Protein backbone atom coordinates (compact mmCIF):
# COMPACT_ATOMS: atom_id res chain seq x y z
CA UNK A 1 86.12 107.85 86.74
CA UNK A 2 85.26 107.07 90.34
CA UNK A 3 86.58 104.38 92.60
CA UNK A 4 85.71 103.27 96.09
CA UNK A 5 88.08 104.48 98.78
CA UNK A 6 88.48 102.99 102.21
CA UNK A 7 85.73 105.00 103.85
CA UNK A 8 83.49 104.23 100.93
CA UNK A 9 83.98 100.49 101.30
CA UNK A 10 83.28 100.53 105.02
CA UNK A 11 80.10 102.55 104.62
CA UNK A 12 78.70 100.37 101.87
CA UNK A 13 79.29 97.33 104.01
CA UNK A 14 77.36 98.88 106.91
CA UNK A 15 74.41 99.83 104.73
CA UNK A 16 74.14 96.69 102.68
CA UNK A 17 74.99 94.07 105.32
CA UNK A 18 71.92 94.92 107.41
CA UNK A 19 69.60 92.82 105.29
CA UNK A 20 71.97 89.87 105.49
CA UNK A 21 72.41 90.07 109.24
CA UNK A 22 69.51 87.77 110.12
CA UNK A 23 70.50 85.20 107.50
CA UNK A 24 74.13 85.33 108.59
CA UNK A 25 73.24 84.94 112.26
CA UNK A 26 70.96 81.97 111.59
CA UNK A 27 73.45 80.33 109.26
CA UNK A 28 76.45 80.79 111.52
CA UNK A 29 74.59 79.60 114.62
CA UNK A 30 73.45 76.50 112.74
CA UNK A 31 76.96 75.86 111.49
CA UNK A 32 78.80 76.68 114.72
CA UNK A 33 79.05 73.04 115.74
CA UNK A 34 80.44 72.14 112.31
CA UNK A 35 83.12 74.80 112.61
CA UNK A 36 83.94 73.68 116.12
CA UNK A 37 82.90 76.89 117.87
CA UNK A 38 80.32 77.90 120.41
CA UNK A 39 77.65 80.56 120.35
CA UNK A 40 77.79 82.14 123.81
CA UNK A 41 74.66 83.66 125.31
CA UNK A 42 76.87 86.44 126.65
CA UNK A 43 80.49 87.43 126.28
CA UNK A 44 82.63 85.10 128.36
CA UNK A 45 85.74 86.63 129.89
CA UNK A 46 88.77 84.33 129.84
CA UNK A 47 90.60 83.40 133.00
CA UNK A 48 93.47 85.87 133.38
CA UNK A 49 95.85 83.29 134.85
CA UNK A 50 95.03 80.79 132.12
CA UNK A 51 95.49 83.48 129.49
CA UNK A 52 98.94 84.30 130.89
CA UNK A 53 99.97 80.66 130.50
CA UNK A 54 98.61 80.63 126.94
CA UNK A 55 100.51 83.82 126.22
CA UNK A 56 103.86 82.29 127.18
CA UNK A 57 103.32 79.06 125.26
CA UNK A 58 101.89 80.59 122.06
CA UNK A 59 104.46 83.36 121.97
CA UNK A 60 107.22 80.80 121.84
CA UNK A 61 105.44 78.91 119.07
CA UNK A 62 104.92 82.10 117.08
CA UNK A 63 108.56 83.13 117.46
CA UNK A 64 109.61 79.68 116.21
CA UNK A 65 107.88 80.19 112.84
CA UNK A 66 110.54 81.14 110.26
CA UNK A 67 110.11 84.79 109.25
CA UNK A 68 107.61 85.56 112.05
CA UNK A 69 108.38 88.27 114.61
CA UNK A 70 106.35 88.95 117.74
CA UNK A 71 106.32 92.75 117.96
CA UNK A 72 104.16 93.01 121.07
CA UNK A 73 101.55 91.19 123.13
CA UNK A 74 98.74 92.74 125.13
CA UNK A 75 95.59 91.52 126.83
CA UNK A 76 92.25 91.69 125.04
CA UNK A 77 89.23 90.53 127.02
CA UNK A 78 91.36 88.10 129.00
CA UNK A 79 93.17 86.57 126.02
CA UNK A 80 96.57 87.40 124.47
CA UNK A 81 96.55 89.73 121.49
CA UNK A 82 99.72 89.52 119.41
CA UNK A 83 101.02 92.13 116.99
CA UNK A 84 103.22 90.37 114.45
CA UNK A 85 105.25 90.86 111.31
CA UNK A 86 105.94 88.18 108.74
CA UNK A 87 108.61 88.13 106.04
CA UNK A 88 106.96 87.82 102.62
CA UNK A 89 108.44 87.59 99.11
CA UNK A 90 107.99 90.78 97.13
CA UNK A 91 107.25 88.51 94.17
CA UNK A 92 105.85 85.06 94.96
CA UNK A 93 106.76 83.88 91.46
CA UNK A 94 110.40 84.77 92.20
CA UNK A 95 111.00 84.39 95.95
CA UNK A 96 114.70 85.22 95.60
CA UNK A 97 113.89 88.76 94.42
CA UNK A 98 113.66 90.13 97.95
CA UNK A 99 111.26 90.29 100.88
CA UNK A 100 109.16 92.76 102.84
CA UNK A 101 107.52 92.59 106.25
CA UNK A 102 103.75 92.30 106.39
CA UNK A 103 101.87 93.35 109.51
CA UNK A 104 99.24 91.13 111.10
CA UNK A 105 97.64 90.45 114.47
CA UNK A 106 96.47 87.31 116.24
CA UNK A 107 93.87 87.25 119.00
CA UNK A 108 94.34 83.80 120.49
CA UNK A 109 91.80 82.02 122.69
CA UNK A 110 92.42 78.32 122.19
CA UNK A 111 94.11 76.22 119.52
CA UNK A 112 91.03 74.01 119.06
CA UNK A 113 88.63 76.92 118.48
CA UNK A 114 87.80 78.16 114.97
CA UNK A 115 89.98 80.92 113.55
CA UNK A 116 88.51 83.85 111.62
CA UNK A 117 90.94 85.22 109.01
CA UNK A 118 89.95 88.85 108.50
CA UNK A 119 91.16 90.69 105.39
CA UNK A 120 90.45 94.41 105.75
CA UNK A 121 91.67 95.11 102.21
CA UNK A 122 93.67 98.18 103.20
CA UNK A 123 95.73 99.01 106.30
CA UNK A 124 95.77 96.82 109.39
CA UNK A 125 92.41 96.67 111.14
CA UNK A 126 92.04 94.31 114.06
CA UNK A 127 88.52 95.18 115.15
CA UNK A 128 86.58 92.14 116.34
CA UNK A 129 84.43 90.84 113.50
CA UNK A 130 80.81 89.69 113.84
CA UNK A 131 81.66 86.09 113.03
CA UNK A 132 84.47 86.08 115.57
CA UNK A 133 81.93 87.02 118.24
CA UNK A 134 79.32 84.54 117.07
CA UNK A 135 81.77 81.63 117.05
CA UNK A 136 83.84 82.77 120.06
CA UNK A 137 86.77 82.28 117.71
CA UNK A 138 90.41 83.25 117.41
CA UNK A 139 91.02 86.03 114.91
CA UNK A 140 93.88 86.75 112.52
CA UNK A 141 93.89 90.18 110.83
CA UNK A 142 96.25 91.13 108.02
CA UNK A 143 97.41 94.32 106.33
CA UNK A 144 97.25 94.30 102.53
CA UNK A 145 100.60 94.43 100.76
CA UNK A 146 101.81 97.93 99.76
CA UNK A 147 99.46 99.61 102.24
CA UNK A 148 100.88 101.60 105.20
CA UNK A 149 103.87 99.73 106.66
CA UNK A 150 103.45 96.48 104.71
CA UNK A 151 105.53 97.51 101.71
CA UNK A 152 109.04 96.84 100.44
CA UNK A 153 111.79 99.29 101.32
CA UNK A 154 113.53 101.49 98.77
CA UNK A 155 112.88 101.36 95.04
CA UNK A 156 110.90 98.12 95.29
CA UNK A 157 108.29 99.95 97.36
CA UNK A 158 107.72 102.40 94.53
CA UNK A 159 107.24 99.63 91.96
CA UNK A 160 103.57 98.69 92.31
CA UNK A 161 103.64 96.05 89.58
CA UNK A 162 103.58 93.39 92.32
CA UNK A 163 100.43 94.90 93.84
CA UNK A 164 98.08 92.27 92.42
CA UNK A 165 95.28 90.12 93.79
CA UNK A 166 97.30 86.94 93.23
CA UNK A 167 100.33 88.27 95.09
CA UNK A 168 98.18 89.26 98.09
CA UNK A 169 96.34 85.93 97.99
CA UNK A 170 99.75 84.28 98.07
CA UNK A 171 100.70 86.39 101.11
CA UNK A 172 97.57 85.16 102.87
CA UNK A 173 98.25 81.58 101.82
CA UNK A 174 101.65 81.65 103.50
CA UNK A 175 100.20 83.23 106.66
CA UNK A 176 97.44 80.60 106.76
CA UNK A 177 99.89 77.76 106.35
CA UNK A 178 102.20 79.16 109.02
CA UNK A 179 99.54 79.82 111.66
CA UNK A 180 97.65 76.58 111.08
CA UNK A 181 100.54 74.92 112.89
CA UNK A 182 99.21 76.69 116.02
CA UNK A 183 95.51 77.31 115.38
CA UNK A 184 94.31 73.80 114.58
CA UNK A 185 90.53 74.33 114.39
CA UNK A 186 88.47 75.24 111.34
CA UNK A 187 89.47 78.42 109.46
CA UNK A 188 86.92 80.89 108.10
CA UNK A 189 87.76 83.87 105.87
CA UNK A 190 85.83 87.14 106.00
CA UNK A 191 85.99 90.80 105.01
CA UNK A 192 83.77 93.65 103.88
CA UNK A 193 83.77 95.55 100.56
CA UNK A 194 87.38 95.52 99.31
CA UNK A 195 88.18 93.20 102.20
CA UNK A 196 85.37 90.93 101.04
CA UNK A 197 86.84 90.92 97.58
CA UNK A 198 90.24 90.07 99.06
CA UNK A 199 88.72 87.12 100.91
CA UNK A 200 87.18 85.79 97.68
CA UNK A 201 90.49 86.17 95.84
CA UNK A 202 92.19 84.11 98.55
CA UNK A 203 89.55 81.41 98.09
CA UNK A 204 89.88 81.64 94.29
CA UNK A 205 93.62 81.01 94.18
CA UNK A 206 94.01 78.79 97.27
CA UNK A 207 90.71 76.94 97.74
CA UNK A 208 92.18 74.44 100.24
CA UNK A 209 93.31 77.10 102.74
CA UNK A 210 89.94 77.96 104.29
CA UNK A 211 87.04 75.80 105.41
CA UNK A 212 84.50 78.54 104.65
CA UNK A 213 84.33 82.15 103.43
CA UNK A 214 81.75 84.78 104.37
CA UNK A 215 82.38 87.87 102.23
CA UNK A 216 80.30 90.97 102.92
CA UNK A 217 79.49 93.28 99.99
CA UNK A 218 82.26 92.04 97.70
CA UNK A 219 81.66 94.24 94.61
CA UNK A 220 83.69 92.27 92.09
CA UNK A 221 83.52 94.16 88.79
CA UNK A 222 83.77 91.23 86.39
CA UNK A 223 82.81 93.62 83.57
CA UNK A 224 84.18 97.07 84.37
CA UNK A 225 82.06 98.66 81.64
CA UNK A 226 78.81 97.44 83.18
CA UNK A 227 77.59 99.80 85.92
CA UNK A 228 73.97 98.70 85.68
CA UNK A 229 73.96 97.42 89.26
CA UNK A 230 74.89 100.84 90.58
CA UNK A 231 72.57 102.64 88.17
CA UNK A 232 69.58 100.52 89.17
CA UNK A 233 70.33 101.19 92.83
CA UNK A 234 70.38 104.97 92.42
CA UNK A 235 67.17 104.89 90.40
CA UNK A 236 65.29 103.08 93.15
CA UNK A 237 66.94 103.81 96.51
CA UNK A 238 64.90 105.72 99.08
CA UNK A 239 61.89 107.62 97.78
CA UNK A 240 61.39 109.72 94.63
CA UNK A 241 61.16 112.83 96.83
CA UNK A 242 64.43 112.05 98.61
CA UNK A 243 66.27 111.32 95.37
CA UNK A 244 65.02 114.58 93.85
CA UNK A 245 66.03 116.58 96.94
CA UNK A 246 69.54 115.11 96.91
CA UNK A 247 69.97 115.82 93.21
CA UNK A 248 68.81 119.39 93.77
CA UNK A 249 71.34 119.91 96.56
CA UNK A 250 74.12 118.49 94.42
CA UNK A 251 73.20 120.77 91.51
CA UNK A 252 72.91 123.83 93.75
CA UNK A 253 76.37 123.17 95.18
CA UNK A 254 77.71 123.58 91.65
CA UNK A 255 75.46 126.51 90.70
CA UNK A 256 76.67 128.42 93.77
CA UNK A 257 80.26 127.46 93.17
CA UNK A 258 81.62 131.03 93.39
CA UNK A 259 80.09 131.56 96.82
CA UNK A 260 80.88 128.13 98.26
CA UNK A 261 84.44 127.52 97.08
CA UNK A 262 85.84 130.20 99.44
CA UNK A 263 84.31 128.21 102.33
CA UNK A 264 85.91 125.05 100.96
CA UNK A 265 89.26 126.81 100.61
CA UNK A 266 89.08 128.09 104.19
CA UNK A 267 88.38 124.58 105.48
CA UNK A 268 91.25 123.18 103.41
CA UNK A 269 93.66 125.81 104.73
CA UNK A 270 92.59 125.17 108.34
CA UNK A 271 93.07 121.41 107.91
CA UNK A 272 96.33 121.74 105.98
CA UNK A 273 94.82 120.01 102.95
CA UNK A 274 96.56 120.37 99.60
CA UNK A 275 95.50 119.20 96.14
CA UNK A 276 98.35 120.11 93.80
CA UNK A 277 99.98 116.68 93.67
CA UNK A 278 96.86 114.71 92.79
CA UNK A 279 93.71 116.55 91.68
CA UNK A 280 95.61 119.69 90.72
CA UNK A 281 93.49 122.57 92.03
CA UNK A 282 91.14 123.43 94.89
CA UNK A 283 88.37 124.04 92.36
CA UNK A 284 88.72 120.54 90.93
CA UNK A 285 88.85 119.00 94.42
CA UNK A 286 85.61 120.81 95.27
CA UNK A 287 83.93 119.49 92.12
CA UNK A 288 84.99 115.91 92.89
CA UNK A 289 83.56 116.20 96.39
CA UNK A 290 80.24 117.51 95.07
CA UNK A 291 79.96 114.87 92.36
CA UNK A 292 80.49 112.17 94.99
CA UNK A 293 77.84 113.49 97.38
CA UNK A 294 74.86 111.33 96.43
CA UNK A 295 76.94 108.14 96.34
CA UNK A 296 78.41 108.89 99.78
CA UNK A 297 75.04 109.87 101.24
CA UNK A 298 73.56 106.45 100.49
CA UNK A 299 76.73 104.62 101.41
CA UNK A 300 76.80 105.88 104.98
CA UNK A 301 73.15 106.89 105.44
CA UNK A 302 69.66 105.44 105.10
CA UNK A 303 66.18 106.58 104.18
CA UNK A 304 65.86 107.80 107.79
CA UNK A 305 68.30 110.59 106.90
CA UNK A 306 66.12 111.90 104.07
CA UNK A 307 64.18 114.42 106.22
CA UNK A 308 67.47 116.22 106.93
CA UNK A 309 68.03 117.09 103.24
CA UNK A 310 67.53 120.88 102.92
CA UNK A 311 65.41 122.64 100.33
CA UNK A 312 68.15 123.51 97.87
CA UNK A 313 66.46 126.67 96.60
CA UNK A 314 65.65 128.10 100.04
CA UNK A 315 68.80 127.12 101.94
CA UNK A 316 71.46 129.77 102.48
CA UNK A 317 75.03 129.17 101.38
CA UNK A 318 76.01 128.41 104.97
CA UNK A 319 73.10 125.99 105.46
CA UNK A 320 73.83 124.20 102.19
CA UNK A 321 77.55 123.89 102.84
CA UNK A 322 77.22 122.87 106.49
CA UNK A 323 74.65 120.17 105.70
CA UNK A 324 76.76 118.82 102.85
CA UNK A 325 79.86 118.51 105.02
CA UNK A 326 77.95 116.22 107.35
CA UNK A 327 76.20 114.19 104.64
CA UNK A 328 78.49 112.83 101.94
CA UNK A 329 80.84 115.71 101.13
CA UNK A 330 84.06 113.67 101.01
CA UNK A 331 87.25 115.64 100.37
CA UNK A 332 90.07 114.07 98.36
CA UNK A 333 93.41 115.62 99.32
CA UNK A 334 97.05 114.86 98.55
CA UNK A 335 97.69 113.43 102.00
CA UNK A 336 95.11 110.63 101.66
CA UNK A 337 95.56 109.89 97.95
CA UNK A 338 99.30 109.31 97.97
CA UNK A 339 101.61 106.40 98.67
CA UNK A 340 100.86 106.29 102.39
CA UNK A 341 97.11 106.67 101.96
CA UNK A 342 94.65 105.15 99.50
CA UNK A 343 97.01 105.50 96.54
CA UNK A 344 97.68 101.73 96.38
CA UNK A 345 93.93 101.12 96.15
CA UNK A 346 93.54 103.47 93.20
CA UNK A 347 96.37 101.60 91.49
CA UNK A 348 94.50 98.34 92.03
CA UNK A 349 91.21 99.81 90.81
CA UNK A 350 92.85 101.05 87.62
CA UNK A 351 94.67 97.79 86.88
CA UNK A 352 92.48 94.95 88.18
CA UNK A 353 89.52 95.75 90.44
CA UNK A 354 87.59 98.18 88.26
CA UNK A 355 85.48 101.15 89.31
CA UNK A 356 82.06 102.71 88.97
CA UNK A 357 81.79 105.74 86.66
CA UNK A 358 80.25 108.91 88.01
């Protein structure tokens, strides 16, 4: 089977959101007044003195929320940027069963402005989102439960049965309810790929939390056995010549396995990559990387990258391997597949989210 890892989700969002950019921009600008925001002609830097006053007042309000801890506060473009933790039930259906601390951030501009609630879907990402810029909004970013530091301590952290879309939606519901006491404008949810899915799950279970949701590339697999959407894409993407060239490179990488695996092993040794705990062997890790090449090429590249595809028959081993490393050759190693990496995502894919077959 194949599933989408974090890098995969980000790349697919970049490729597939381009066509929606114009529609999004027009729609958000038209709706800015409704959401209570402004669409600045240029980035407006906040007054540093005013921001300092805001920082003192809001920090006190944040600290007064039960379960909320202000870890740090810095300046971001003239406005206070708070790093926070929030005590969450491990099991929202049984709140007495223990808690864990969930990481989040708040970039605060003004209580009356709109607030963008960004769900990255994985670890904590606080990058400024497109909609935040368009609306000159506040932004809340949250780390998904069981990813990185947002996981229960001890044995409870190893029990992933509470890693469900409803439990995470319930985490976000509590955060929304808590911070709405400070950020009193309209709230808008957003995210890309798995983060987009997470935003839709929040809306699904708690439809009164958010005033609007803009989900980018949310690949909800309602029927996990139906991969026709992916299959149609790979049959038509780019040009026939480009698709044929990519397939030829992929095949040649397997045909020349004996000559190329030593290069792969040398790279793995230099990087300290191991495969024994997850994929089992270096040979199997190499095969996974090759089988993923075409998917990853189109996820992070475009038709403009097609002229770089080498002639598989004429390219030397070095040329073939070097090109592949820069164009879709994604290595799956123990360090990134385990508990502290994308392991929680693979658990979710296997139990609820679904995946696309190779």
